[in-house]
Amino acid sequence: MEDIMNMLGMFWPFLVLIAVFYFFMYRPQKKLQLERGRFLLSLRKGDRVVTSGGVHGVIKVLRDKYVELEIAPKVVIKVEKAAIHHGDVKLVDEKIAKEEAAKAKHQENMETQVTEEVIEVNDPKEAGTEVIEEVIEVDENGKPIKEDKK
């Protein structure tokens, strides 16, 4: 019994140190990381933002990995989404952020299949290349769920 008390006496400073690290370092950092994720999910076309390099601009095009900022009239630059530091953005609530993250993860897991079809034309004026994009969502079994033509 006395040995156990001596061991606890030796290790309690380490336990206190671990608790201090958790409450003063890890937990606030995790909270900031979640807020940053919510901020990036809340970006919308037309928002005024500032990049980490100090460039001010308005979002014109929003993609998965990058955004296109208009920094002056008719001057558009492409910037990584992670490089956006802050801006006048209305944050989405946590429930919507989780739903959008789940949708993004689902679309990331979807496979893309490209099919080419050759069509013969009688009139030479109609000859040429025409690209038709068709998005077909499938379930786990590979059966189509919904078809959209764009």
N, C-alpha and C. Protein backbone atom coordinates (compact mmCIF):
# COMPACT_ATOMS: atom_id res chain seq x y z
N MET A 1 0.83 -1.19 0.00
CA MET A 1 0.00 0.00 0.00
C MET A 1 0.87 1.25 0.00
N GLU A 2 1.92 1.20 0.78
CA GLU A 2 2.82 2.34 0.87
C GLU A 2 3.54 2.57 -0.46
N ASP A 3 3.83 1.49 -1.20
CA ASP A 3 4.47 1.60 -2.50
C ASP A 3 3.57 2.30 -3.51
N ILE A 4 2.27 1.98 -3.45
CA ILE A 4 1.32 2.60 -4.36
C ILE A 4 1.22 4.10 -4.07
N MET A 5 1.21 4.47 -2.83
CA MET A 5 1.14 5.89 -2.47
C MET A 5 2.40 6.63 -2.93
N ASN A 6 3.55 5.98 -2.82
CA ASN A 6 4.79 6.61 -3.29
C ASN A 6 4.77 6.81 -4.80
N MET A 7 4.23 5.82 -5.55
CA MET A 7 4.15 5.93 -7.01
C MET A 7 3.20 7.05 -7.41
N LEU A 8 2.04 7.13 -6.74
CA LEU A 8 1.11 8.20 -7.03
C LEU A 8 1.72 9.56 -6.69
N GLY A 9 2.48 9.60 -5.64
CA GLY A 9 3.17 10.84 -5.26
C GLY A 9 4.17 11.28 -6.31
N MET A 10 4.77 10.32 -7.01
CA MET A 10 5.73 10.65 -8.06
C MET A 10 5.04 11.10 -9.35
N PHE A 11 3.88 10.52 -9.67
CA PHE A 11 3.25 10.76 -10.96
C PHE A 11 2.20 11.88 -10.97
N TRP A 12 1.74 12.35 -9.83
CA TRP A 12 0.70 13.37 -9.85
C TRP A 12 1.17 14.67 -10.51
N PRO A 13 2.43 15.10 -10.42
CA PRO A 13 2.82 16.31 -11.16
C PRO A 13 2.71 16.14 -12.68
N PHE A 14 2.99 14.92 -13.17
CA PHE A 14 2.85 14.66 -14.60
C PHE A 14 1.38 14.71 -15.02
N LEU A 15 0.50 14.18 -14.19
CA LEU A 15 -0.93 14.22 -14.49
C LEU A 15 -1.44 15.65 -14.53
N VAL A 16 -0.98 16.49 -13.60
CA VAL A 16 -1.36 17.90 -13.58
C VAL A 16 -0.84 18.59 -14.84
N LEU A 17 0.38 18.27 -15.24
CA LEU A 17 0.98 18.87 -16.43
C LEU A 17 0.19 18.48 -17.69
N ILE A 18 -0.22 17.23 -17.77
CA ILE A 18 -1.03 16.77 -18.92
C ILE A 18 -2.37 17.51 -18.94
N ALA A 19 -2.99 17.68 -17.79
CA ALA A 19 -4.27 18.41 -17.73
C ALA A 19 -4.09 19.86 -18.16
N VAL A 20 -3.00 20.49 -17.74
CA VAL A 20 -2.74 21.88 -18.13
C VAL A 20 -2.56 21.98 -19.64
N PHE A 21 -1.78 21.06 -20.23
CA PHE A 21 -1.60 21.06 -21.68
C PHE A 21 -2.93 20.89 -22.40
N TYR A 22 -3.78 20.01 -21.91
CA TYR A 22 -5.06 19.78 -22.56
C TYR A 22 -5.93 21.04 -22.53
N PHE A 23 -6.09 21.63 -21.35
CA PHE A 23 -7.03 22.75 -21.21
C PHE A 23 -6.48 24.07 -21.75
N PHE A 24 -5.18 24.25 -21.78
CA PHE A 24 -4.64 25.54 -22.24
C PHE A 24 -4.02 25.50 -23.63
N MET A 25 -3.80 24.32 -24.19
CA MET A 25 -3.19 24.25 -25.51
C MET A 25 -4.03 23.46 -26.51
N TYR A 26 -4.31 22.21 -26.24
CA TYR A 26 -4.97 21.34 -27.20
C TYR A 26 -6.41 21.76 -27.46
N ARG A 27 -7.18 21.96 -26.41
CA ARG A 27 -8.60 22.29 -26.55
C ARG A 27 -8.84 23.61 -27.28
N PRO A 28 -8.14 24.71 -26.92
CA PRO A 28 -8.35 25.95 -27.68
C PRO A 28 -7.91 25.83 -29.14
N GLN A 29 -6.84 25.08 -29.41
CA GLN A 29 -6.38 24.90 -30.78
C GLN A 29 -7.42 24.13 -31.60
N LYS A 30 -8.02 23.13 -31.01
CA LYS A 30 -9.06 22.35 -31.69
C LYS A 30 -10.27 23.22 -31.98
N LYS A 31 -10.62 24.10 -31.04
CA LYS A 31 -11.76 25.01 -31.23
C LYS A 31 -11.48 25.97 -32.39
N LEU A 32 -10.26 26.52 -32.45
CA LEU A 32 -9.89 27.41 -33.55
C LEU A 32 -9.92 26.69 -34.89
N GLN A 33 -9.50 25.44 -34.91
CA GLN A 33 -9.51 24.66 -36.13
C GLN A 33 -10.95 24.43 -36.62
N LEU A 34 -11.86 24.15 -35.71
CA LEU A 34 -13.27 23.98 -36.08
C LEU A 34 -13.87 25.28 -36.60
N GLU A 35 -13.54 26.40 -35.96
CA GLU A 35 -14.03 27.70 -36.42
C GLU A 35 -13.50 28.02 -37.82
N ARG A 36 -12.25 27.69 -38.08
CA ARG A 36 -11.64 27.92 -39.39
C ARG A 36 -12.36 27.10 -40.45
N GLY A 37 -12.68 25.85 -40.12
CA GLY A 37 -13.43 25.00 -41.04
C GLY A 37 -14.81 25.56 -41.34
N ARG A 38 -15.49 26.05 -40.32
CA ARG A 38 -16.80 26.68 -40.51
C ARG A 38 -16.69 27.91 -41.39
N PHE A 39 -15.62 28.70 -41.18
CA PHE A 39 -15.41 29.90 -41.99
C PHE A 39 -15.23 29.53 -43.46
N LEU A 40 -14.41 28.53 -43.74
CA LEU A 40 -14.16 28.15 -45.13
C LEU A 40 -15.40 27.56 -45.79
N LEU A 41 -16.23 26.84 -45.01
CA LEU A 41 -17.48 26.32 -45.55
C LEU A 41 -18.51 27.42 -45.80
N SER A 42 -18.37 28.55 -45.10
CA SER A 42 -19.33 29.63 -45.20
C SER A 42 -19.05 30.59 -46.36
N LEU A 43 -17.93 30.44 -47.03
CA LEU A 43 -17.59 31.34 -48.12
C LEU A 43 -18.62 31.25 -49.23
N ARG A 44 -19.03 32.39 -49.76
CA ARG A 44 -20.01 32.46 -50.84
C ARG A 44 -19.54 33.47 -51.88
N LYS A 45 -20.08 33.34 -53.06
CA LYS A 45 -19.78 34.27 -54.13
C LYS A 45 -20.24 35.67 -53.71
N GLY A 46 -19.37 36.67 -53.90
CA GLY A 46 -19.70 38.05 -53.55
C GLY A 46 -19.19 38.47 -52.19
N ASP A 47 -18.65 37.55 -51.39
CA ASP A 47 -18.10 37.90 -50.07
C ASP A 47 -16.79 38.67 -50.23
N ARG A 48 -16.61 39.66 -49.36
CA ARG A 48 -15.34 40.41 -49.32
C ARG A 48 -14.42 39.68 -48.35
N VAL A 49 -13.21 39.33 -48.83
CA VAL A 49 -12.27 38.57 -48.01
C VAL A 49 -10.87 39.17 -48.11
N VAL A 50 -10.01 38.74 -47.17
CA VAL A 50 -8.60 39.13 -47.15
C VAL A 50 -7.78 37.85 -47.11
N THR A 51 -6.78 37.75 -47.99
CA THR A 51 -5.93 36.57 -47.99
C THR A 51 -4.87 36.69 -46.91
N SER A 52 -4.16 35.60 -46.66
CA SER A 52 -3.10 35.63 -45.65
C SER A 52 -1.95 36.53 -46.08
N GLY A 53 -1.84 36.83 -47.36
CA GLY A 53 -0.83 37.76 -47.86
C GLY A 53 -1.26 39.21 -47.81
N GLY A 54 -2.50 39.46 -47.39
CA GLY A 54 -2.98 40.83 -47.25
C GLY A 54 -3.71 41.38 -48.46
N VAL A 55 -4.04 40.54 -49.44
CA VAL A 55 -4.74 40.98 -50.64
C VAL A 55 -6.23 41.00 -50.35
N HIS A 56 -6.86 42.16 -50.59
CA HIS A 56 -8.30 42.31 -50.40
C HIS A 56 -8.99 42.05 -51.73
N GLY A 57 -10.14 41.36 -51.68
CA GLY A 57 -10.87 41.10 -52.90
C GLY A 57 -12.26 40.59 -52.64
N VAL A 58 -12.99 40.42 -53.75
CA VAL A 58 -14.37 39.92 -53.71
C VAL A 58 -14.37 38.58 -54.43
N ILE A 59 -14.99 37.58 -53.83
CA ILE A 59 -15.04 36.26 -54.44
C ILE A 59 -15.95 36.29 -55.66
N LYS A 60 -15.39 35.90 -56.81
CA LYS A 60 -16.17 35.82 -58.04
C LYS A 60 -16.50 34.38 -58.40
N VAL A 61 -15.55 33.46 -58.20
CA VAL A 61 -15.75 32.04 -58.49
C VAL A 61 -15.28 31.25 -57.28
N LEU A 62 -16.07 30.29 -56.85
CA LEU A 62 -15.75 29.48 -55.68
C LEU A 62 -15.67 28.02 -56.09
N ARG A 63 -14.50 27.41 -55.91
CA ARG A 63 -14.28 26.00 -56.25
C ARG A 63 -13.93 25.24 -54.98
N ASP A 64 -13.67 23.93 -55.11
CA ASP A 64 -13.33 23.11 -53.96
C ASP A 64 -12.01 23.53 -53.34
N LYS A 65 -10.98 23.69 -54.16
CA LYS A 65 -9.63 23.95 -53.65
C LYS A 65 -9.21 25.42 -53.75
N TYR A 66 -9.83 26.19 -54.62
CA TYR A 66 -9.41 27.57 -54.82
C TYR A 66 -10.61 28.48 -55.05
N VAL A 67 -10.34 29.78 -54.97
CA VAL A 67 -11.34 30.79 -55.28
C VAL A 67 -10.71 31.78 -56.25
N GLU A 68 -11.54 32.45 -57.01
CA GLU A 68 -11.07 33.52 -57.88
C GLU A 68 -11.54 34.83 -57.28
N LEU A 69 -10.58 35.69 -56.96
CA LEU A 69 -10.87 36.97 -56.33
C LEU A 69 -10.73 38.10 -57.33
N GLU A 70 -11.68 39.02 -57.29
CA GLU A 70 -11.54 40.24 -58.09
C GLU A 70 -10.94 41.29 -57.16
N ILE A 71 -9.69 41.68 -57.46
CA ILE A 71 -8.99 42.62 -56.59
C ILE A 71 -9.08 44.05 -57.10
N ALA A 72 -9.45 44.21 -58.35
CA ALA A 72 -9.69 45.52 -58.98
C ALA A 72 -10.67 45.25 -60.11
N PRO A 73 -11.28 46.29 -60.67
CA PRO A 73 -12.20 46.04 -61.78
C PRO A 73 -11.52 45.27 -62.91
N LYS A 74 -12.08 44.12 -63.26
CA LYS A 74 -11.62 43.23 -64.32
C LYS A 74 -10.23 42.63 -64.06
N VAL A 75 -9.79 42.62 -62.80
CA VAL A 75 -8.54 41.95 -62.42
C VAL A 75 -8.89 40.82 -61.46
N VAL A 76 -8.77 39.60 -61.98
CA VAL A 76 -9.17 38.43 -61.20
C VAL A 76 -7.94 37.54 -60.99
N ILE A 77 -7.73 37.12 -59.74
CA ILE A 77 -6.61 36.23 -59.42
C ILE A 77 -7.16 34.95 -58.81
N LYS A 78 -6.40 33.88 -58.98
CA LYS A 78 -6.77 32.58 -58.41
C LYS A 78 -5.98 32.40 -57.12
N VAL A 79 -6.67 32.08 -56.02
CA VAL A 79 -6.06 31.95 -54.71
C VAL A 79 -6.53 30.65 -54.07
N GLU A 80 -5.62 29.94 -53.41
CA GLU A 80 -6.01 28.74 -52.67
C GLU A 80 -7.03 29.11 -51.61
N LYS A 81 -8.02 28.26 -51.42
CA LYS A 81 -9.06 28.52 -50.44
C LYS A 81 -8.47 28.62 -49.03
N ALA A 82 -7.46 27.80 -48.74
CA ALA A 82 -6.84 27.82 -47.41
C ALA A 82 -6.08 29.11 -47.14
N ALA A 83 -5.77 29.88 -48.19
CA ALA A 83 -5.02 31.13 -48.01
C ALA A 83 -5.93 32.30 -47.63
N ILE A 84 -7.23 32.08 -47.60
CA ILE A 84 -8.15 33.15 -47.20
C ILE A 84 -8.12 33.24 -45.69
N HIS A 85 -7.77 34.42 -45.20
CA HIS A 85 -7.54 34.60 -43.77
C HIS A 85 -8.82 34.99 -43.04
N HIS A 86 -9.48 36.04 -43.50
CA HIS A 86 -10.72 36.47 -42.87
C HIS A 86 -11.51 37.33 -43.86
N GLY A 87 -12.73 37.71 -43.46
CA GLY A 87 -13.55 38.53 -44.33
C GLY A 87 -14.93 38.74 -43.75
N ASP A 88 -15.74 39.46 -44.52
CA ASP A 88 -17.12 39.73 -44.13
C ASP A 88 -17.99 38.56 -44.59
N VAL A 89 -17.98 37.50 -43.81
CA VAL A 89 -18.65 36.27 -44.17
C VAL A 89 -19.64 35.92 -43.08
N LYS A 90 -20.86 35.60 -43.48
CA LYS A 90 -21.86 35.15 -42.51
C LYS A 90 -21.63 33.66 -42.27
N LEU A 91 -21.27 33.29 -41.05
CA LEU A 91 -20.96 31.90 -40.74
C LEU A 91 -22.22 31.05 -40.72
N VAL A 92 -22.09 29.85 -41.27
CA VAL A 92 -23.20 28.91 -41.20
C VAL A 92 -23.20 28.26 -39.82
N ASP A 93 -24.35 27.78 -39.40
CA ASP A 93 -24.38 27.12 -38.10
C ASP A 93 -23.76 25.73 -38.21
N GLU A 94 -23.48 25.11 -37.09
CA GLU A 94 -22.73 23.85 -37.07
C GLU A 94 -23.47 22.72 -37.78
N LYS A 95 -24.79 22.69 -37.68
CA LYS A 95 -25.56 21.61 -38.31
C LYS A 95 -25.41 21.66 -39.83
N ILE A 96 -25.54 22.86 -40.40
CA ILE A 96 -25.40 23.01 -41.85
C ILE A 96 -23.97 22.70 -42.27
N ALA A 97 -22.99 23.12 -41.47
CA ALA A 97 -21.58 22.85 -41.79
C ALA A 97 -21.31 21.35 -41.83
N LYS A 98 -21.87 20.61 -40.89
CA LYS A 98 -21.68 19.15 -40.87
C LYS A 98 -22.34 18.51 -42.09
N GLU A 99 -23.54 18.99 -42.47
CA GLU A 99 -24.23 18.44 -43.64
C GLU A 99 -23.44 18.70 -44.91
N GLU A 100 -22.89 19.91 -45.07
CA GLU A 100 -22.11 20.24 -46.26
C GLU A 100 -20.82 19.43 -46.30
N ALA A 101 -20.21 19.21 -45.16
CA ALA A 101 -18.99 18.40 -45.12
C ALA A 101 -19.31 16.95 -45.51
N ALA A 102 -20.44 16.44 -45.07
CA ALA A 102 -20.84 15.08 -45.43
C ALA A 102 -21.13 14.98 -46.93
N LYS A 103 -21.77 16.00 -47.50
CA LYS A 103 -22.03 16.00 -48.95
C LYS A 103 -20.72 16.04 -49.73
N ALA A 104 -19.79 16.86 -49.29
CA ALA A 104 -18.49 16.96 -49.98
C ALA A 104 -17.75 15.63 -49.90
N LYS A 105 -17.81 14.97 -48.76
CA LYS A 105 -17.14 13.68 -48.60
C LYS A 105 -17.80 12.64 -49.49
N HIS A 106 -19.14 12.68 -49.60
CA HIS A 106 -19.87 11.73 -50.45
C HIS A 106 -19.49 11.93 -51.91
N GLN A 107 -19.44 13.19 -52.36
CA GLN A 107 -19.08 13.46 -53.75
C GLN A 107 -17.63 13.11 -54.02
N GLU A 108 -16.78 13.22 -53.03
CA GLU A 108 -15.38 12.85 -53.18
C GLU A 108 -15.24 11.35 -53.41
N ASN A 109 -16.12 10.57 -52.80
CA ASN A 109 -16.07 9.11 -52.92
C ASN A 109 -16.72 8.60 -54.20
N MET A 110 -17.50 9.44 -54.88
CA MET A 110 -18.17 9.01 -56.10
C MET A 110 -17.15 8.86 -57.23
N GLU A 111 -17.36 7.85 -58.04
CA GLU A 111 -16.49 7.63 -59.18
C GLU A 111 -17.05 8.35 -60.40
N THR A 112 -16.15 8.83 -61.25
CA THR A 112 -16.56 9.50 -62.48
C THR A 112 -16.24 8.58 -63.64
N GLN A 113 -17.20 8.40 -64.52
CA GLN A 113 -17.02 7.54 -65.67
C GLN A 113 -17.30 8.37 -66.92
N VAL A 114 -16.37 8.33 -67.87
CA VAL A 114 -16.51 9.09 -69.10
C VAL A 114 -16.85 8.12 -70.21
N THR A 115 -17.91 8.44 -70.94
CA THR A 115 -18.34 7.61 -72.06
C THR A 115 -18.35 8.48 -73.30
N GLU A 116 -17.75 7.95 -74.38
CA GLU A 116 -17.74 8.68 -75.64
C GLU A 116 -18.68 7.97 -76.61
N GLU A 117 -19.40 8.77 -77.39
CA GLU A 117 -20.33 8.22 -78.35
C GLU A 117 -20.09 8.92 -79.68
N VAL A 118 -19.95 8.16 -80.74
CA VAL A 118 -19.73 8.71 -82.07
C VAL A 118 -21.08 8.75 -82.79
N ILE A 119 -21.42 9.93 -83.31
CA ILE A 119 -22.69 10.11 -84.00
C ILE A 119 -22.38 10.56 -85.43
N GLU A 120 -22.94 9.86 -86.39
CA GLU A 120 -22.74 10.23 -87.78
C GLU A 120 -23.75 11.30 -88.16
N VAL A 121 -23.28 12.27 -88.93
CA VAL A 121 -24.16 13.35 -89.37
C VAL A 121 -24.17 13.37 -90.89
N ASN A 122 -25.31 13.78 -91.45
CA ASN A 122 -25.45 13.84 -92.91
C ASN A 122 -24.98 15.19 -93.44
N ASP A 123 -25.23 16.24 -92.69
CA ASP A 123 -24.88 17.59 -93.13
C ASP A 123 -23.51 17.96 -92.60
N PRO A 124 -22.55 18.35 -93.46
CA PRO A 124 -21.21 18.72 -92.98
C PRO A 124 -21.20 19.90 -92.04
N LYS A 125 -22.23 20.76 -92.10
CA LYS A 125 -22.30 21.91 -91.20
C LYS A 125 -22.51 21.47 -89.75
N GLU A 126 -23.13 20.32 -89.57
CA GLU A 126 -23.39 19.82 -88.23
C GLU A 126 -22.19 19.07 -87.64
N ALA A 127 -21.19 18.80 -88.46
CA ALA A 127 -20.01 18.07 -87.99
C ALA A 127 -19.22 18.93 -87.01
N GLY A 128 -18.59 18.31 -86.08
CA GLY A 128 -17.79 19.02 -85.09
C GLY A 128 -17.83 18.28 -83.77
N THR A 129 -17.29 18.90 -82.77
CA THR A 129 -17.24 18.28 -81.46
C THR A 129 -18.23 18.97 -80.55
N GLU A 130 -19.07 18.20 -79.95
CA GLU A 130 -20.03 18.73 -79.00
C GLU A 130 -19.87 17.95 -77.70
N VAL A 131 -19.70 18.65 -76.62
CA VAL A 131 -19.52 18.01 -75.33
C VAL A 131 -20.82 18.13 -74.55
N ILE A 132 -21.34 16.99 -74.16
CA ILE A 132 -22.55 16.96 -73.33
C ILE A 132 -22.15 16.30 -72.03
N GLU A 133 -22.35 17.02 -70.95
CA GLU A 133 -21.99 16.48 -69.64
C GLU A 133 -23.23 15.96 -68.97
N GLU A 134 -23.17 14.73 -68.52
CA GLU A 134 -24.31 14.11 -67.86
C GLU A 134 -23.83 13.55 -66.52
N VAL A 135 -24.47 13.98 -65.44
CA VAL A 135 -24.09 13.52 -64.11
C VAL A 135 -25.13 12.51 -63.66
N ILE A 136 -24.65 11.32 -63.33
CA ILE A 136 -25.54 10.26 -62.87
C ILE A 136 -25.06 9.82 -61.50
N GLU A 137 -25.90 10.00 -60.49
CA GLU A 137 -25.57 9.54 -59.14
C GLU A 137 -26.02 8.10 -59.00
N VAL A 138 -25.16 7.29 -58.36
CA VAL A 138 -25.49 5.89 -58.16
C VAL A 138 -25.42 5.56 -56.68
N ASP A 139 -26.18 4.54 -56.29
CA ASP A 139 -26.13 4.10 -54.89
C ASP A 139 -25.01 3.09 -54.71
N GLU A 140 -24.97 2.43 -53.54
CA GLU A 140 -23.89 1.49 -53.23
C GLU A 140 -23.85 0.31 -54.20
N ASN A 141 -25.01 -0.05 -54.76
CA ASN A 141 -25.09 -1.19 -55.67
C ASN A 141 -24.76 -0.82 -57.10
N GLY A 142 -24.54 0.45 -57.38
CA GLY A 142 -24.21 0.89 -58.73
C GLY A 142 -25.44 1.22 -59.56
N LYS A 143 -26.61 1.29 -58.95
CA LYS A 143 -27.83 1.61 -59.68
C LYS A 143 -28.01 3.12 -59.71
N PRO A 144 -28.44 3.69 -60.84
CA PRO A 144 -28.62 5.15 -60.94
C PRO A 144 -29.71 5.64 -59.99
N ILE A 145 -29.43 6.77 -59.34
CA ILE A 145 -30.40 7.38 -58.45
C ILE A 145 -31.13 8.52 -59.16
N LYS A 146 -30.36 9.37 -59.82
CA LYS A 146 -30.93 10.58 -60.41
C LYS A 146 -30.08 10.96 -61.60
N GLU A 147 -30.69 11.47 -62.64
CA GLU A 147 -29.94 11.90 -63.82
C GLU A 147 -30.18 13.39 -64.02
N ASP A 148 -29.08 14.14 -64.28
CA ASP A 148 -29.16 15.57 -64.57
C ASP A 148 -28.37 15.83 -65.83
N LYS A 149 -28.94 16.60 -66.75
CA LYS A 149 -28.18 17.02 -67.93
C LYS A 149 -27.80 18.46 -67.75
N LYS A 150 -26.56 18.74 -68.01
CA LYS A 150 -26.07 20.12 -67.87
C LYS A 150 -25.67 20.63 -69.24
